[in-house]
Amino acid sequence: MELSVKEIDVQHPPSGAKIELYIKDDCPFCAQAMDYYDAAGIVFASYDAQNDRERRQEMLAYTSGDPTVPAIVVDGRYVQSGWGRPPRG
């Protein structure tokens, strides 16, 4: 059974999930998210939502226009913007 978006914990994603982060280079919360995934051995892709217009448009489509980063997409589904508890970005 597939988890609903509300059930996905971005700090403990389902095993084998495809994680995508839309980031900005100078964002400390983006760095925290990437450091966390690296330390946990969780594979992820990161996209520059600040300088790459196509990636920014993808992010805004996922987030319904919310520019907050990191925007976190799990298995092609937008889960949240920001990092931490509560999410900050």
Foldseek 3Di string as FASTA:
>chain_A
DDDDLQPADLLDGPPPKEKEWEDAPPDPQQVVSVVSCVVVVHDYYYHDLPPDVVVVVVLCVQVVRDNAPGFMDINNHTRDGADDVVGDD
